[in-house]
Amino acid sequence: MPGRYLNYNIMGNRPGNPKTGGRKKGTPNKSKAEIREHISNIVSSNLEIVERDLRELKPEQRVKLIIELARFVIPQMKAVDLKSDIQPAFIQLNLGEGTNPEDE
């Protein structure tokens, strides 16, 4: 077709253009939330069975399983690197007259 230009629709934005539409940053994925709720309901309705099964495990296996399960309940903390130019200081307090532990 001479003289005509084809217009191709591009999925998404071109580089440098702001995001429009879709989920906002930080918005939870609906399907993941539904799955988590479903699993939570299963565990909640079977707590007695889960506790019985835990008691039947050897102590070492029980601790490992509890630690594994805790990952789903307790947020995992990231390692933090702390750097400081502050040097520790020695502070001597004079509390007046009294007993000196070094004299004993």
Protein backbone atom coordinates (compact mmCIF):
# COMPACT_ATOMS: atom_id res chain seq x y z
CA MET A 1 0.00 0.00 0.00
CA PRO A 2 2.07 2.90 -1.19
CA GLY A 3 1.72 6.17 0.63
CA ARG A 4 0.19 4.67 3.75
CA TYR A 5 1.90 4.24 7.09
CA LEU A 6 1.07 1.36 9.34
CA ASN A 7 0.34 2.33 12.92
CA TYR A 8 1.55 -0.33 15.33
CA ASN A 9 0.14 -0.27 18.84
CA ILE A 10 2.89 -0.72 21.39
CA MET A 11 2.11 -2.56 24.63
CA GLY A 12 3.12 -0.50 27.64
CA ASN A 13 4.78 2.87 27.70
CA ARG A 14 7.80 3.98 25.82
CA PRO A 15 10.92 4.38 27.96
CA GLY A 16 10.83 7.57 30.02
CA ASN A 17 7.03 7.94 30.02
CA PRO A 18 5.26 7.72 33.40
CA LYS A 19 3.21 4.68 34.35
CA THR A 20 -0.52 5.06 33.87
CA GLY A 21 -3.27 2.70 35.00
CA GLY A 22 -2.78 -0.72 36.54
CA ARG A 23 -2.07 -1.45 40.19
CA LYS A 24 -0.47 1.21 42.31
CA LYS A 25 2.94 0.43 43.80
CA GLY A 26 2.54 -1.58 47.00
CA THR A 27 -0.99 -2.78 46.22
CA PRO A 28 -1.18 -6.49 47.09
CA ASN A 29 -1.89 -9.00 44.35
CA LYS A 30 -5.55 -10.06 44.73
CA SER A 31 -4.95 -13.72 43.90
CA LYS A 32 -2.08 -14.00 46.39
CA ALA A 33 -4.24 -12.43 49.11
CA GLU A 34 -7.03 -14.92 48.35
CA ILE A 35 -4.60 -17.87 48.48
CA ARG A 36 -3.13 -16.67 51.79
CA GLU A 37 -6.60 -16.28 53.27
CA HIS A 38 -7.58 -19.76 52.09
CA ILE A 39 -4.44 -21.35 53.58
CA SER A 40 -5.00 -19.39 56.80
CA ASN A 41 -8.56 -20.78 56.99
CA ILE A 42 -7.32 -24.35 56.44
CA VAL A 43 -4.73 -24.00 59.21
CA SER A 44 -7.20 -22.29 61.57
CA SER A 45 -9.79 -25.01 61.15
CA ASN A 46 -7.20 -27.75 61.73
CA LEU A 47 -5.20 -26.32 64.64
CA GLU A 48 -5.80 -29.33 66.90
CA ILE A 49 -4.54 -31.72 64.23
CA VAL A 50 -1.49 -29.53 63.49
CA GLU A 51 -0.64 -29.33 67.21
CA ARG A 52 -1.02 -33.11 67.62
CA ASP A 53 1.21 -33.72 64.59
CA LEU A 54 3.82 -31.33 66.00
CA ARG A 55 3.86 -33.20 69.33
CA GLU A 56 4.47 -36.47 67.50
CA LEU A 57 7.65 -35.15 65.89
CA LYS A 58 11.09 -35.50 67.43
CA PRO A 59 12.18 -32.27 69.20
CA GLU A 60 14.75 -31.49 66.49
CA GLN A 61 12.17 -31.92 63.69
CA ARG A 62 9.61 -29.90 65.66
CA VAL A 63 11.96 -26.93 66.03
CA LYS A 64 12.88 -27.01 62.33
CA LEU A 65 9.22 -27.09 61.30
CA ILE A 66 8.26 -24.26 63.67
CA ILE A 67 11.10 -22.12 62.28
CA GLU A 68 9.96 -22.87 58.72
CA LEU A 69 6.35 -22.03 59.53
CA ALA A 70 7.38 -18.81 61.31
CA ARG A 71 8.63 -17.45 57.97
CA PHE A 72 5.00 -17.13 56.90
CA VAL A 73 3.94 -15.23 60.01
CA ILE A 74 6.95 -13.17 61.10
CA PRO A 75 8.45 -10.79 58.55
CA GLN A 76 12.02 -11.66 57.69
CA MET A 77 14.42 -8.90 58.65
CA LYS A 78 17.16 -7.77 56.32
CA ALA A 79 20.75 -7.50 57.44
CA VAL A 80 21.82 -3.95 58.13
CA ASP A 81 25.39 -2.75 57.85
CA LEU A 82 26.12 -0.13 60.50
CA LYS A 83 29.14 2.07 59.93
CA SER A 84 30.12 4.85 62.28
CA ASP A 85 33.10 7.11 62.84
CA ILE A 86 32.23 7.44 66.52
CA GLN A 87 34.88 6.05 68.82
CA PRO A 88 33.85 4.49 72.13
CA ALA A 89 34.49 6.79 75.08
CA PHE A 90 35.64 5.92 78.59
CA ILE A 91 33.59 7.63 81.26
CA GLN A 92 34.62 7.67 84.90
CA LEU A 93 32.04 8.60 87.48
CA ASN A 94 32.90 9.81 90.96
CA LEU A 95 30.03 8.84 93.23
CA GLY A 96 31.59 10.37 96.30
CA GLU A 97 32.84 8.46 99.28
CA GLY A 98 31.74 4.91 99.76
CA THR A 99 33.03 1.44 99.15
CA ASN A 100 35.46 0.84 96.35
CA PRO A 101 35.16 -2.68 94.87
CA GLU A 102 38.85 -2.57 93.94
CA ASP A 103 39.81 -2.20 97.62
CA GLU A 104 38.11 -5.45 98.62
